[in-house]
Amino acid sequence: MQALKDRLESLEHQLRANVSYAALPHELREMLQRRLGDLERQLLSKVAELEDEKSLLHNETSAHRQKTETALNALLERVSELEKGNSAFKSPDEFKVSLPLRTNYLYGKIKKTLPELYAFTVCLWLRSSASPGIGTPFSYAVPGQANEIVLIEWGNNPIELLINDKVAQLPLFISDGKWHHICVTWTTRDGMWEAFQDGEKLGTGENLAPWHPIKPGGVLILGQEQDTVGGRFDATQAFVGEMSQFNIWDRVLKAEDIVNIANCSINMPGNIIPWVDNNVDVFGGNSHHLSPRGAGPAAMAGALPLNLPGSSLSCSSAAGGSSWLRNSAKHLKESWTTATSNIRYQT
């Protein structure tokens, strides 16, 4: 724009230097008029373009700021709900099972069995730093098939989901000593499966025991892999760590439901296997901790990581960490307000 302005001034200076503008040839006068007109239109067009860019930038920045402030306000409201103590997000039966040693005699047994299933979703919170491999968080065995459903990380192998002794490797990474929310879904239709970690879908596949219904009447074990129904545990495959909120549904949950469960937006016990204290027997001297009211894994064993978005606070620990979360949300909002109030637009 400055270059156009300089060119206009140069032409005006040249015209003033002539003895008489009227004395110039007619063709030259017309040419000069055209050049001046062209330059003026270019200048006006450039000014209009810059004004449009300025307006667009202002609108985009305002919209982004409004969106961010809305998200932060929602976060503050969410924390306020958690602080009330009577929100729908707290489970009345919060507890965890601790398996601190890699043995063949520490385990939990679910009292209920499974019906015949053509689809399922299994979700749980777990924490482990065991190496190599966290072991077997759970296994379901039936007569004639010890590996009807198994979740296992053995040795240096990746985490595997077994259905009817068929195997799918899952892209989950949970042996960092932090609490993680894990969900796996499966349907007999084409053997489709999904793997979620902290509310985020990390893997999906098919042809995992397609058209095979899960057999009923078996034994569901926490912390051990079964070589026979309910027994013959191998210590090298034992789970080492803590687990909580183990739930099973007889359907594939929607991704949004899994996200909401992981970030405490809903309290949705499994309709086949819910996580309640009187549904689990413990064996071998392992810990079976009931949580104090309003507390959960984080309150008993250290705070859960806050990884936004995706992983968030356990529903059972939300009350214990809500003060810290509220302060963090307020700090984020104040920092954003300060930063955006300093923005100035210049032409």
Foldseek 3Di string as FASTA:
>chain_A
DVVLVVVLVVLVVVCVPDPDPVPDDPVVNVVSVVVNVVSVVVVVVVVVVVVVVLVVVVVVVVVVLVVVVVVLVVLLVVLVQLQVQPHQLADPFFWKWADAALDQWWWKWFQAWFAWFQKKKKKKKWFAQDPPWQFWQKAKQDVPALHQWTWFRFHNAATWTAHSNFIDGDPDDHNPRFIKMWMKIFGLAQGWIWIAILLHTDDIDGPRNHPDIRHIDAIMMGFFRDPHGPHDTDSSRGGHTMMIFIAMERHDDDSVVSNCQQASVHDDAHPGDGGHLVRMDITDPTDIDTDDRLDHDCVVPNFHDDDPPRHHGHSSHSNVCSVVSSVVSVVVSVVSVVVVVPDDDDD
